[in-house]
Amino acid sequence: MLRMNRLKQTDLYARGSSLQVFGSDPELTSDFKVPDGENATALDENFFTFPGFRNFTANPSDAPLVTTMRADLSNFAALDGLGISSTLVVAPPGTVNPPHVHPRASELVFVLEGTVDIGFVDTTNTLRTQTLKEGDLFIVPRGLVHFQFNNYQTTAKFINSFSSASPGVARLPTTLFGTGIADAVLIKSFGVTADVIDKLQEAEGAGTQPGY
């Protein structure tokens, strides 16, 4: 009986490992994926073009957060199955892309203009930060908490590219203080009083624009 239980546990671990292998975008068996109900011969160059980044500027009402424009599976169907997507970020002075994670993608940051501070925390709780300037690239491994902050006097623009057409995002301020987690859980987890938790929940309710 003990041996049988161990065999069952081994099988469960193996199944769990195999599920992780298929956590990314599935590979295509054709050049590109044709949307349901569409004919491949009817798809012209416009299907493969995303014009949403043209003349994109910061929205002052987003401050103190950055302004973002996503090009992912939600608004660019040609990405389906290709395992890529991008976000244009415009960061006026003093704005932040708050701590967040992408559960399904690594992120490659390319600075178009300006200067921006970036950092991520790995699973050893080591913070790795860098000041990026125009032309710099920076990689954020999948699933790690990271942020971007313009602590300078000019607007920064950068492209965040992802290894998934649907990278997902969990923004920590919203996840922790805007989803209804019981106050008692947060009070004990952070070692603070109820007043502190109330203030954080109130602040999160004032602005829920998701960083990306």
N, C-alpha and C. Protein backbone atom coordinates (compact mmCIF):
# COMPACT_ATOMS: atom_id res chain seq x y z
N MET A 1 0.83 -1.21 0.00
CA MET A 1 0.00 0.00 0.00
C MET A 1 0.87 1.26 0.00
N LEU A 2 1.93 1.26 0.81
CA LEU A 2 2.82 2.42 0.87
C LEU A 2 3.46 2.67 -0.49
N ARG A 3 3.89 1.53 -1.12
CA ARG A 3 4.51 1.67 -2.44
C ARG A 3 3.51 2.22 -3.44
N MET A 4 2.26 1.79 -3.37
CA MET A 4 1.24 2.28 -4.29
C MET A 4 1.00 3.77 -4.10
N ASN A 5 0.95 4.24 -2.84
CA ASN A 5 0.76 5.67 -2.58
C ASN A 5 1.90 6.49 -3.15
N ARG A 6 3.15 5.96 -3.01
CA ARG A 6 4.29 6.68 -3.55
C ARG A 6 4.23 6.76 -5.07
N LEU A 7 3.74 5.66 -5.69
CA LEU A 7 3.59 5.68 -7.14
C LEU A 7 2.55 6.70 -7.57
N LYS A 8 1.46 6.81 -6.81
CA LYS A 8 0.42 7.80 -7.13
C LYS A 8 0.98 9.21 -6.99
N GLN A 9 1.78 9.46 -5.92
CA GLN A 9 2.37 10.78 -5.73
C GLN A 9 3.31 11.12 -6.87
N THR A 10 4.12 10.12 -7.28
CA THR A 10 5.04 10.34 -8.39
C THR A 10 4.28 10.70 -9.66
N ASP A 11 3.16 10.01 -9.88
CA ASP A 11 2.35 10.28 -11.07
C ASP A 11 1.77 11.69 -11.02
N LEU A 12 1.33 12.14 -9.84
CA LEU A 12 0.78 13.48 -9.71
C LEU A 12 1.84 14.53 -9.97
N TYR A 13 3.06 14.32 -9.43
CA TYR A 13 4.14 15.26 -9.68
C TYR A 13 4.46 15.33 -11.17
N ALA A 14 4.46 14.18 -11.82
CA ALA A 14 4.75 14.15 -13.26
C ALA A 14 3.69 14.89 -14.04
N ARG A 15 2.43 14.70 -13.64
CA ARG A 15 1.35 15.40 -14.32
C ARG A 15 1.48 16.91 -14.13
N GLY A 16 1.83 17.32 -12.91
CA GLY A 16 2.01 18.74 -12.65
C GLY A 16 3.12 19.33 -13.48
N SER A 17 4.22 18.61 -13.61
CA SER A 17 5.34 19.08 -14.41
C SER A 17 4.95 19.21 -15.87
N SER A 18 4.17 18.25 -16.38
CA SER A 18 3.79 18.30 -17.78
C SER A 18 2.86 19.46 -18.05
N LEU A 19 2.02 19.82 -17.08
CA LEU A 19 1.15 20.97 -17.26
C LEU A 19 1.95 22.24 -17.42
N GLN A 20 3.05 22.38 -16.70
CA GLN A 20 3.87 23.56 -16.79
C GLN A 20 4.50 23.70 -18.17
N VAL A 21 4.81 22.58 -18.80
CA VAL A 21 5.44 22.61 -20.11
C VAL A 21 4.54 23.30 -21.13
N PHE A 22 3.22 23.13 -20.97
CA PHE A 22 2.28 23.68 -21.94
C PHE A 22 1.67 25.00 -21.46
N GLY A 23 2.37 25.71 -20.56
CA GLY A 23 1.84 26.97 -20.05
C GLY A 23 2.01 28.13 -21.00
N SER A 24 2.80 27.99 -22.07
CA SER A 24 3.01 29.07 -23.01
C SER A 24 2.09 28.91 -24.21
N ASP A 25 2.20 29.84 -25.18
CA ASP A 25 1.35 29.80 -26.36
C ASP A 25 1.60 28.52 -27.16
N PRO A 26 0.54 27.86 -27.66
CA PRO A 26 0.73 26.66 -28.48
C PRO A 26 1.39 27.00 -29.81
N GLU A 27 2.19 26.08 -30.34
CA GLU A 27 2.84 26.31 -31.61
C GLU A 27 1.85 26.11 -32.76
N LEU A 28 2.00 26.94 -33.79
CA LEU A 28 1.15 26.83 -34.97
C LEU A 28 1.65 25.74 -35.90
N THR A 29 0.73 25.17 -36.66
CA THR A 29 1.09 24.22 -37.71
C THR A 29 0.87 24.84 -39.08
N SER A 30 0.65 26.17 -39.09
CA SER A 30 0.48 26.92 -40.34
C SER A 30 1.23 28.24 -40.19
N ASP A 31 1.27 29.03 -41.24
CA ASP A 31 2.02 30.29 -41.19
C ASP A 31 1.47 31.24 -40.14
N PHE A 32 0.17 31.30 -40.02
CA PHE A 32 -0.50 32.14 -39.04
C PHE A 32 -1.89 31.59 -38.82
N LYS A 33 -2.53 32.05 -37.73
CA LYS A 33 -3.85 31.54 -37.38
C LYS A 33 -4.93 32.43 -37.99
N VAL A 34 -5.81 31.81 -38.71
CA VAL A 34 -6.93 32.52 -39.32
C VAL A 34 -8.08 32.57 -38.32
N PRO A 35 -8.61 33.74 -38.03
CA PRO A 35 -9.73 33.84 -37.08
C PRO A 35 -10.92 33.00 -37.52
N ASP A 36 -11.65 32.48 -36.55
CA ASP A 36 -12.84 31.69 -36.84
C ASP A 36 -13.79 32.47 -37.73
N GLY A 37 -14.28 31.82 -38.76
CA GLY A 37 -15.24 32.45 -39.66
C GLY A 37 -14.61 33.27 -40.76
N GLU A 38 -13.27 33.38 -40.76
CA GLU A 38 -12.56 34.16 -41.78
C GLU A 38 -11.93 33.23 -42.81
N ASN A 39 -11.66 33.77 -43.98
CA ASN A 39 -10.97 33.05 -45.04
C ASN A 39 -9.57 33.61 -45.18
N ALA A 40 -8.56 32.75 -45.18
CA ALA A 40 -7.17 33.21 -45.24
C ALA A 40 -6.90 34.07 -46.45
N THR A 41 -7.50 33.76 -47.57
CA THR A 41 -7.26 34.53 -48.79
C THR A 41 -7.84 35.93 -48.72
N ALA A 42 -8.77 36.14 -47.80
CA ALA A 42 -9.40 37.46 -47.66
C ALA A 42 -8.65 38.37 -46.71
N LEU A 43 -7.64 37.83 -46.02
CA LEU A 43 -6.88 38.64 -45.06
C LEU A 43 -5.76 39.38 -45.78
N ASP A 44 -5.83 40.71 -45.78
CA ASP A 44 -4.79 41.49 -46.44
C ASP A 44 -3.80 42.01 -45.41
N GLU A 45 -2.93 42.94 -45.84
CA GLU A 45 -1.88 43.45 -44.96
C GLU A 45 -2.43 44.17 -43.74
N ASN A 46 -3.66 44.65 -43.80
CA ASN A 46 -4.24 45.35 -42.65
C ASN A 46 -4.44 44.42 -41.46
N PHE A 47 -4.66 43.13 -41.74
CA PHE A 47 -4.82 42.17 -40.67
C PHE A 47 -3.55 42.05 -39.84
N PHE A 48 -2.40 42.27 -40.46
CA PHE A 48 -1.11 42.12 -39.80
C PHE A 48 -0.55 43.45 -39.28
N THR A 49 -1.36 44.50 -39.32
CA THR A 49 -0.91 45.84 -38.93
C THR A 49 -1.68 46.32 -37.71
N PHE A 50 -0.93 46.86 -36.73
CA PHE A 50 -1.56 47.47 -35.55
C PHE A 50 -1.16 48.94 -35.51
N PRO A 51 -2.10 49.86 -35.76
CA PRO A 51 -1.78 51.29 -35.82
C PRO A 51 -1.92 52.03 -34.49
N GLY A 52 -2.19 51.28 -33.42
CA GLY A 52 -2.53 51.92 -32.15
C GLY A 52 -1.41 52.70 -31.49
N PHE A 53 -0.15 52.47 -31.90
CA PHE A 53 0.96 53.19 -31.30
C PHE A 53 1.23 54.55 -31.96
N ARG A 54 0.57 54.82 -33.08
CA ARG A 54 0.83 56.06 -33.80
C ARG A 54 0.44 57.28 -32.96
N ASN A 55 1.37 58.19 -32.83
CA ASN A 55 1.11 59.48 -32.15
C ASN A 55 0.53 59.28 -30.74
N PHE A 56 0.89 58.17 -30.11
CA PHE A 56 0.37 57.89 -28.77
C PHE A 56 1.09 58.75 -27.74
N THR A 57 0.32 59.41 -26.88
CA THR A 57 0.88 60.31 -25.88
C THR A 57 0.32 59.99 -24.50
N ALA A 58 0.92 60.58 -23.49
CA ALA A 58 0.47 60.34 -22.12
C ALA A 58 -0.88 60.99 -21.87
N ASN A 59 -1.68 60.33 -21.07
CA ASN A 59 -2.95 60.88 -20.61
C ASN A 59 -2.72 61.47 -19.22
N PRO A 60 -2.83 62.80 -19.07
CA PRO A 60 -2.55 63.42 -17.76
C PRO A 60 -3.36 62.84 -16.62
N SER A 61 -4.55 62.32 -16.90
CA SER A 61 -5.40 61.78 -15.84
C SER A 61 -4.87 60.47 -15.30
N ASP A 62 -3.91 59.84 -15.99
CA ASP A 62 -3.33 58.59 -15.50
C ASP A 62 -2.34 58.82 -14.37
N ALA A 63 -1.75 60.02 -14.30
CA ALA A 63 -0.74 60.32 -13.27
C ALA A 63 -1.32 60.06 -11.87
N PRO A 64 -0.49 59.51 -10.98
CA PRO A 64 0.96 59.30 -11.05
C PRO A 64 1.41 58.01 -11.74
N LEU A 65 0.49 57.35 -12.45
CA LEU A 65 0.86 56.14 -13.16
C LEU A 65 1.20 56.48 -14.61
N VAL A 66 1.95 55.58 -15.25
CA VAL A 66 2.27 55.75 -16.66
C VAL A 66 1.03 55.54 -17.51
N THR A 67 1.13 55.92 -18.78
CA THR A 67 0.07 55.65 -19.76
C THR A 67 0.55 54.52 -20.67
N THR A 68 -0.33 53.55 -20.91
CA THR A 68 0.07 52.38 -21.71
C THR A 68 -0.91 52.12 -22.84
N MET A 69 -0.38 51.55 -23.91
CA MET A 69 -1.21 51.06 -25.02
C MET A 69 -0.73 49.66 -25.34
N ARG A 70 -1.61 48.69 -25.20
CA ARG A 70 -1.26 47.30 -25.43
C ARG A 70 -1.54 46.89 -26.87
N ALA A 71 -0.70 46.01 -27.39
CA ALA A 71 -0.97 45.31 -28.64
C ALA A 71 -0.82 43.83 -28.32
N ASP A 72 -1.93 43.21 -27.95
CA ASP A 72 -1.91 41.80 -27.57
C ASP A 72 -3.11 41.09 -28.17
N LEU A 73 -3.37 39.90 -27.72
CA LEU A 73 -4.42 39.10 -28.33
C LEU A 73 -5.80 39.73 -28.18
N SER A 74 -5.96 40.61 -27.21
CA SER A 74 -7.26 41.24 -26.98
C SER A 74 -7.63 42.24 -28.06
N ASN A 75 -6.64 42.79 -28.76
CA ASN A 75 -6.95 43.82 -29.76
C ASN A 75 -6.16 43.69 -31.06
N PHE A 76 -5.37 42.60 -31.21
CA PHE A 76 -4.56 42.40 -32.41
C PHE A 76 -4.59 40.91 -32.73
N ALA A 77 -5.60 40.50 -33.48
CA ALA A 77 -5.87 39.08 -33.71
C ALA A 77 -4.73 38.36 -34.43
N ALA A 78 -3.93 39.09 -35.20
CA ALA A 78 -2.85 38.46 -35.96
C ALA A 78 -1.79 37.84 -35.05
N LEU A 79 -1.76 38.22 -33.77
CA LEU A 79 -0.78 37.68 -32.83
C LEU A 79 -1.11 36.28 -32.36
N ASP A 80 -2.33 35.84 -32.60
CA ASP A 80 -2.78 34.55 -32.06
C ASP A 80 -1.85 33.42 -32.51
N GLY A 81 -1.27 32.73 -31.54
CA GLY A 81 -0.42 31.60 -31.83
C GLY A 81 1.03 31.93 -32.12
N LEU A 82 1.37 33.21 -32.19
CA LEU A 82 2.74 33.60 -32.55
C LEU A 82 3.65 33.78 -31.33
N GLY A 83 3.07 33.84 -30.13
CA GLY A 83 3.89 33.91 -28.93
C GLY A 83 4.57 35.24 -28.70
N ILE A 84 4.00 36.33 -29.20
CA ILE A 84 4.58 37.66 -29.01
C ILE A 84 3.48 38.69 -28.80
N SER A 85 3.83 39.79 -28.14
CA SER A 85 2.95 40.96 -28.00
C SER A 85 3.81 42.10 -27.50
N SER A 86 3.24 43.31 -27.51
CA SER A 86 3.99 44.50 -27.09
C SER A 86 3.08 45.50 -26.40
N THR A 87 3.70 46.34 -25.60
CA THR A 87 3.01 47.46 -24.99
C THR A 87 3.88 48.70 -25.13
N LEU A 88 3.30 49.80 -25.59
CA LEU A 88 4.00 51.08 -25.61
C LEU A 88 3.69 51.80 -24.30
N VAL A 89 4.74 52.24 -23.61
CA VAL A 89 4.60 52.93 -22.33
C VAL A 89 5.12 54.35 -22.48
N VAL A 90 4.30 55.32 -22.09
CA VAL A 90 4.73 56.72 -22.04
C VAL A 90 4.72 57.13 -20.57
N ALA A 91 5.91 57.55 -20.10
CA ALA A 91 6.09 57.83 -18.67
C ALA A 91 6.56 59.27 -18.47
N PRO A 92 5.64 60.20 -18.22
CA PRO A 92 6.06 61.56 -17.89
C PRO A 92 6.87 61.58 -16.60
N PRO A 93 7.59 62.66 -16.33
CA PRO A 93 8.38 62.74 -15.09
C PRO A 93 7.54 62.44 -13.85
N GLY A 94 8.09 61.61 -12.98
CA GLY A 94 7.44 61.30 -11.72
C GLY A 94 6.42 60.19 -11.77
N THR A 95 6.20 59.57 -12.93
CA THR A 95 5.18 58.52 -13.03
C THR A 95 5.82 57.13 -12.88
N VAL A 96 4.98 56.17 -12.52
CA VAL A 96 5.46 54.83 -12.22
C VAL A 96 4.57 53.78 -12.88
N ASN A 97 5.18 52.72 -13.34
CA ASN A 97 4.47 51.49 -13.68
C ASN A 97 4.63 50.60 -12.46
N PRO A 98 3.61 50.51 -11.61
CA PRO A 98 3.77 49.94 -10.27
C PRO A 98 4.12 48.46 -10.28
N PRO A 99 4.61 47.95 -9.16
CA PRO A 99 5.00 46.53 -9.10
C PRO A 99 3.89 45.61 -9.60
N HIS A 100 4.27 44.70 -10.50
CA HIS A 100 3.31 43.78 -11.10
C HIS A 100 4.05 42.56 -11.63
N VAL A 101 3.30 41.57 -12.05
CA VAL A 101 3.89 40.36 -12.63
C VAL A 101 3.13 39.99 -13.90
N HIS A 102 3.82 39.28 -14.79
CA HIS A 102 3.21 38.69 -15.98
C HIS A 102 3.36 37.18 -15.85
N PRO A 103 2.28 36.48 -15.54
CA PRO A 103 2.40 35.04 -15.24
C PRO A 103 2.72 34.18 -16.45
N ARG A 104 2.50 34.70 -17.67
CA ARG A 104 2.68 33.85 -18.85
C ARG A 104 3.77 34.33 -19.81
N ALA A 105 4.61 35.29 -19.39
CA ALA A 105 5.59 35.80 -20.35
C ALA A 105 6.78 36.45 -19.67
N SER A 106 7.94 36.30 -20.32
CA SER A 106 9.09 37.15 -20.00
C SER A 106 8.90 38.48 -20.74
N GLU A 107 9.61 39.50 -20.30
CA GLU A 107 9.42 40.85 -20.84
C GLU A 107 10.76 41.44 -21.25
N LEU A 108 10.82 41.99 -22.47
CA LEU A 108 12.01 42.66 -22.97
C LEU A 108 11.68 44.13 -23.14
N VAL A 109 12.39 44.98 -22.40
CA VAL A 109 12.12 46.42 -22.40
C VAL A 109 13.14 47.11 -23.31
N PHE A 110 12.65 47.94 -24.24
CA PHE A 110 13.51 48.72 -25.12
C PHE A 110 13.15 50.20 -24.98
N VAL A 111 14.11 51.02 -24.59
CA VAL A 111 13.86 52.44 -24.36
C VAL A 111 13.96 53.20 -25.67
N LEU A 112 12.87 53.87 -26.06
CA LEU A 112 12.84 54.67 -27.27
C LEU A 112 13.40 56.06 -27.05
N GLU A 113 13.08 56.63 -25.90
CA GLU A 113 13.59 57.97 -25.57
C GLU A 113 13.50 58.20 -24.07
N GLY A 114 14.38 59.08 -23.56
CA GLY A 114 14.36 59.40 -22.14
C GLY A 114 15.15 58.41 -21.30
N THR A 115 14.92 58.51 -19.99
CA THR A 115 15.60 57.68 -19.00
C THR A 115 14.56 57.12 -18.04
N VAL A 116 14.73 55.87 -17.65
CA VAL A 116 13.76 55.24 -16.75
C VAL A 116 14.49 54.26 -15.85
N ASP A 117 14.08 54.20 -14.59
CA ASP A 117 14.59 53.21 -13.66
C ASP A 117 13.69 51.97 -13.71
N ILE A 118 14.32 50.81 -13.70
CA ILE A 118 13.57 49.55 -13.75
C ILE A 118 14.17 48.58 -12.76
N GLY A 119 13.35 47.68 -12.26
CA GLY A 119 13.87 46.68 -11.33
C GLY A 119 12.95 45.48 -11.24
N PHE A 120 13.52 44.34 -10.88
CA PHE A 120 12.71 43.16 -10.58
C PHE A 120 13.30 42.46 -9.37
N VAL A 121 12.46 41.67 -8.70
CA VAL A 121 12.85 40.89 -7.54
C VAL A 121 12.76 39.43 -7.90
N ASP A 122 13.89 38.69 -7.74
CA ASP A 122 13.87 37.27 -8.10
C ASP A 122 13.39 36.42 -6.93
N THR A 123 13.41 35.10 -7.10
CA THR A 123 12.85 34.21 -6.08
C THR A 123 13.77 34.03 -4.87
N THR A 124 14.94 34.66 -4.89
CA THR A 124 15.79 34.70 -3.70
C THR A 124 15.59 36.02 -2.94
N ASN A 125 14.57 36.79 -3.37
CA ASN A 125 14.29 38.11 -2.80
C ASN A 125 15.44 39.09 -3.02
N THR A 126 16.13 38.93 -4.14
CA THR A 126 17.18 39.86 -4.53
C THR A 126 16.61 40.89 -5.50
N LEU A 127 16.77 42.16 -5.16
CA LEU A 127 16.31 43.24 -6.02
C LEU A 127 17.41 43.59 -7.02
N ARG A 128 17.06 43.59 -8.29
CA ARG A 128 18.00 43.94 -9.35
C ARG A 128 17.46 45.16 -10.09
N THR A 129 18.16 46.28 -10.00
CA THR A 129 17.70 47.53 -10.59
C THR A 129 18.71 48.05 -11.59
N GLN A 130 18.20 48.86 -12.53
CA GLN A 130 19.06 49.46 -13.53
C GLN A 130 18.45 50.78 -13.99
N THR A 131 19.28 51.73 -14.34
CA THR A 131 18.84 52.97 -14.98
C THR A 131 19.04 52.80 -16.48
N LEU A 132 17.95 52.83 -17.23
CA LEU A 132 17.99 52.62 -18.66
C LEU A 132 17.93 53.94 -19.40
N LYS A 133 18.72 54.05 -20.46
CA LYS A 133 18.72 55.23 -21.31
C LYS A 133 18.32 54.83 -22.73
N GLU A 134 18.11 55.82 -23.55
CA GLU A 134 17.67 55.59 -24.93
C GLU A 134 18.54 54.55 -25.62
N GLY A 135 17.89 53.54 -26.20
CA GLY A 135 18.58 52.48 -26.91
C GLY A 135 18.89 51.26 -26.08
N ASP A 136 18.70 51.33 -24.75
CA ASP A 136 19.00 50.20 -23.87
C ASP A 136 17.91 49.14 -23.92
N LEU A 137 18.34 47.89 -23.69
CA LEU A 137 17.43 46.75 -23.52
C LEU A 137 17.57 46.19 -22.11
N PHE A 138 16.47 45.67 -21.58
CA PHE A 138 16.49 45.06 -20.25
C PHE A 138 15.49 43.91 -20.25
N ILE A 139 15.89 42.77 -19.70
CA ILE A 139 15.01 41.61 -19.67
C ILE A 139 14.46 41.37 -18.27
N VAL A 140 13.17 41.05 -18.20
CA VAL A 140 12.52 40.66 -16.94
C VAL A 140 12.03 39.23 -17.11
N PRO A 141 12.58 38.26 -16.39
CA PRO A 141 12.13 36.87 -16.52
C PRO A 141 10.66 36.71 -16.14
N ARG A 142 10.04 35.72 -16.72
CA ARG A 142 8.60 35.49 -16.53
C ARG A 142 8.23 35.30 -15.07
N GLY A 143 7.13 35.94 -14.68
CA GLY A 143 6.53 35.71 -13.38
C GLY A 143 7.16 36.45 -12.22
N LEU A 144 8.18 37.30 -12.47
CA LEU A 144 8.84 38.01 -11.38
C LEU A 144 8.24 39.40 -11.20
N VAL A 145 8.16 39.83 -9.95
CA VAL A 145 7.66 41.17 -9.63
C VAL A 145 8.64 42.21 -10.19
N HIS A 146 8.11 43.20 -10.91
CA HIS A 146 8.98 44.24 -11.47
C HIS A 146 8.23 45.56 -11.55
N PHE A 147 8.98 46.64 -11.81
CA PHE A 147 8.41 47.98 -11.86
C PHE A 147 9.25 48.85 -12.80
N GLN A 148 8.68 50.00 -13.18
CA GLN A 148 9.39 51.02 -13.95
C GLN A 148 9.02 52.38 -13.39
N PHE A 149 10.01 53.27 -13.26
CA PHE A 149 9.80 54.55 -12.59
C PHE A 149 10.62 55.63 -13.30
N ASN A 150 9.92 56.68 -13.72
CA ASN A 150 10.61 57.83 -14.31
C ASN A 150 10.86 58.86 -13.23
N ASN A 151 12.07 58.87 -12.70
CA ASN A 151 12.46 59.78 -11.63
C ASN A 151 13.30 60.93 -12.20
N TYR A 152 12.99 61.32 -13.46
CA TYR A 152 13.82 62.30 -14.15
C TYR A 152 12.96 63.45 -14.69
N GLN A 153 13.56 64.36 -15.39
CA GLN A 153 12.89 65.61 -15.75
C GLN A 153 12.25 65.60 -17.13
N THR A 154 12.44 64.55 -17.90
CA THR A 154 11.86 64.47 -19.24
C THR A 154 11.04 63.18 -19.38
N THR A 155 10.09 63.21 -20.30
CA THR A 155 9.23 62.04 -20.54
C THR A 155 10.04 60.89 -21.15
N ALA A 156 9.77 59.70 -20.68
CA ALA A 156 10.39 58.49 -21.23
C ALA A 156 9.34 57.70 -22.01
N LYS A 157 9.80 57.09 -23.10
CA LYS A 157 8.95 56.19 -23.87
C LYS A 157 9.71 54.89 -24.06
N PHE A 158 9.00 53.77 -23.87
CA PHE A 158 9.66 52.49 -24.06
C PHE A 158 8.65 51.43 -24.47
N ILE A 159 9.17 50.41 -25.16
CA ILE A 159 8.37 49.28 -25.61
C ILE A 159 8.64 48.09 -24.70
N ASN A 160 7.57 47.52 -24.16
CA ASN A 160 7.67 46.26 -23.43
C ASN A 160 7.18 45.15 -24.35
N SER A 161 8.08 44.26 -24.74
CA SER A 161 7.71 43.13 -25.60
C SER A 161 7.65 41.86 -24.77
N PHE A 162 6.72 40.97 -25.12
CA PHE A 162 6.44 39.79 -24.30
C PHE A 162 6.53 38.51 -25.13
N SER A 163 6.87 37.43 -24.44
CA SER A 163 7.00 36.13 -25.08
C SER A 163 5.68 35.37 -25.11
N SER A 164 4.59 36.09 -25.17
CA SER A 164 3.26 35.50 -25.25
C SER A 164 2.33 36.52 -25.88
N ALA A 165 1.35 36.04 -26.64
CA ALA A 165 0.34 36.93 -27.19
C ALA A 165 -0.65 37.40 -26.13
N SER A 166 -0.64 36.71 -24.99
CA SER A 166 -1.52 37.06 -23.88
C SER A 166 -0.76 36.87 -22.57
N PRO A 167 0.15 37.82 -22.24
CA PRO A 167 1.04 37.64 -21.09
C PRO A 167 0.35 37.68 -19.74
N GLY A 168 -0.80 38.34 -19.68
CA GLY A 168 -1.48 38.49 -18.39
C GLY A 168 -0.76 39.49 -17.51
N VAL A 169 -1.47 40.07 -16.58
CA VAL A 169 -0.84 41.00 -15.64
C VAL A 169 -1.58 40.95 -14.31
N ALA A 170 -0.81 40.92 -13.24
CA ALA A 170 -1.36 41.03 -11.88
C ALA A 170 -0.64 42.19 -11.22
N ARG A 171 -1.33 43.29 -11.06
CA ARG A 171 -0.76 44.51 -10.49
C ARG A 171 -0.88 44.44 -8.97
N LEU A 172 0.24 44.46 -8.27
CA LEU A 172 0.24 44.16 -6.84
C LEU A 172 -0.66 45.08 -6.01
N PRO A 173 -0.65 46.41 -6.22
CA PRO A 173 -1.56 47.23 -5.41
C PRO A 173 -3.02 46.80 -5.54
N THR A 174 -3.43 46.49 -6.78
CA THR A 174 -4.81 46.05 -7.00
C THR A 174 -5.04 44.66 -6.43
N THR A 175 -4.10 43.75 -6.70
CA THR A 175 -4.24 42.37 -6.23
C THR A 175 -4.38 42.30 -4.72
N LEU A 176 -3.58 43.10 -4.02
CA LEU A 176 -3.56 43.03 -2.56
C LEU A 176 -4.66 43.86 -1.90
N PHE A 177 -4.93 45.03 -2.46
CA PHE A 177 -5.80 45.98 -1.75
C PHE A 177 -7.07 46.35 -2.51
N GLY A 178 -7.29 45.75 -3.67
CA GLY A 178 -8.48 46.09 -4.44
C GLY A 178 -9.33 44.91 -4.83
N THR A 179 -9.09 43.75 -4.22
CA THR A 179 -9.84 42.55 -4.61
C THR A 179 -10.68 41.96 -3.49
N GLY A 180 -10.69 42.60 -2.34
CA GLY A 180 -11.54 42.11 -1.25
C GLY A 180 -10.90 41.10 -0.33
N ILE A 181 -9.56 40.98 -0.35
CA ILE A 181 -8.90 40.12 0.63
C ILE A 181 -9.24 40.61 2.02
N ALA A 182 -9.58 39.71 2.92
CA ALA A 182 -10.03 40.08 4.27
C ALA A 182 -8.98 40.95 4.97
N ASP A 183 -9.45 41.99 5.65
CA ASP A 183 -8.55 42.89 6.38
C ASP A 183 -7.68 42.12 7.36
N ALA A 184 -8.24 41.13 8.02
CA ALA A 184 -7.48 40.37 9.01
C ALA A 184 -6.27 39.68 8.38
N VAL A 185 -6.44 39.18 7.16
CA VAL A 185 -5.34 38.54 6.46
C VAL A 185 -4.23 39.55 6.18
N LEU A 186 -4.62 40.73 5.69
CA LEU A 186 -3.64 41.76 5.35
C LEU A 186 -2.95 42.32 6.59
N ILE A 187 -3.71 42.52 7.66
CA ILE A 187 -3.15 43.05 8.91
C ILE A 187 -2.08 42.12 9.45
N LYS A 188 -2.37 40.82 9.47
CA LYS A 188 -1.41 39.86 10.00
C LYS A 188 -0.23 39.68 9.04
N SER A 189 -0.50 39.71 7.74
CA SER A 189 0.56 39.50 6.76
C SER A 189 1.58 40.62 6.76
N PHE A 190 1.12 41.86 6.93
CA PHE A 190 2.01 43.02 6.85
C PHE A 190 2.43 43.54 8.22
N GLY A 191 1.79 43.04 9.27
CA GLY A 191 2.15 43.47 10.61
C GLY A 191 1.83 44.93 10.87
N VAL A 192 0.69 45.41 10.35
CA VAL A 192 0.29 46.80 10.53
C VAL A 192 -1.10 46.84 11.13
N THR A 193 -1.57 48.05 11.43
CA THR A 193 -2.89 48.22 12.01
C THR A 193 -3.96 48.30 10.93
N ALA A 194 -5.20 48.21 11.36
CA ALA A 194 -6.33 48.27 10.43
C ALA A 194 -6.39 49.60 9.72
N ASP A 195 -5.98 50.69 10.41
CA ASP A 195 -6.00 52.02 9.79
C ASP A 195 -5.10 52.07 8.56
N VAL A 196 -3.95 51.42 8.64
CA VAL A 196 -3.02 51.41 7.50
C VAL A 196 -3.64 50.68 6.32
N ILE A 197 -4.24 49.53 6.59
CA ILE A 197 -4.88 48.75 5.53
C ILE A 197 -6.02 49.54 4.90
N ASP A 198 -6.81 50.23 5.72
CA ASP A 198 -7.91 51.03 5.20
C ASP A 198 -7.40 52.11 4.26
N LYS A 199 -6.30 52.76 4.61
CA LYS A 199 -5.74 53.82 3.77
C LYS A 199 -5.24 53.27 2.44
N LEU A 200 -4.61 52.10 2.49
CA LEU A 200 -4.12 51.48 1.26
C LEU A 200 -5.27 51.05 0.35
N GLN A 201 -6.33 50.52 0.94
CA GLN A 201 -7.49 50.13 0.15
C GLN A 201 -8.18 51.35 -0.45
N GLU A 202 -8.24 52.42 0.32
CA GLU A 202 -8.85 53.66 -0.18
C GLU A 202 -8.03 54.23 -1.32
N ALA A 203 -6.70 54.22 -1.17
CA ALA A 203 -5.82 54.75 -2.21
C ALA A 203 -5.94 53.92 -3.49
N GLU A 204 -6.04 52.60 -3.36
CA GLU A 204 -6.14 51.75 -4.54
C GLU A 204 -7.46 51.98 -5.25
N GLY A 205 -8.52 52.24 -4.50
CA GLY A 205 -9.81 52.50 -5.12
C GLY A 205 -9.85 53.77 -5.93
N ALA A 206 -8.90 54.69 -5.66
CA ALA A 206 -8.86 55.97 -6.36
C ALA A 206 -8.26 55.85 -7.75
N GLY A 207 -7.50 54.78 -8.02
CA GLY A 207 -6.88 54.63 -9.33
C GLY A 207 -6.51 53.19 -9.60
N THR A 208 -7.15 52.59 -10.63
CA THR A 208 -6.93 51.16 -10.89
C THR A 208 -6.45 50.90 -12.32
N GLN A 209 -5.82 51.91 -12.95
CA GLN A 209 -5.27 51.70 -14.28
C GLN A 209 -4.14 50.68 -14.21
N PRO A 210 -4.26 49.54 -14.93
CA PRO A 210 -3.25 48.48 -14.78
C PRO A 210 -1.97 48.79 -15.52
N GLY A 211 -0.83 48.65 -14.83
CA GLY A 211 0.44 48.73 -15.53
C GLY A 211 0.62 47.49 -16.41
N TYR A 212 1.53 47.60 -17.37
CA TYR A 212 1.74 46.44 -18.26
C TYR A 212 3.18 46.38 -18.68
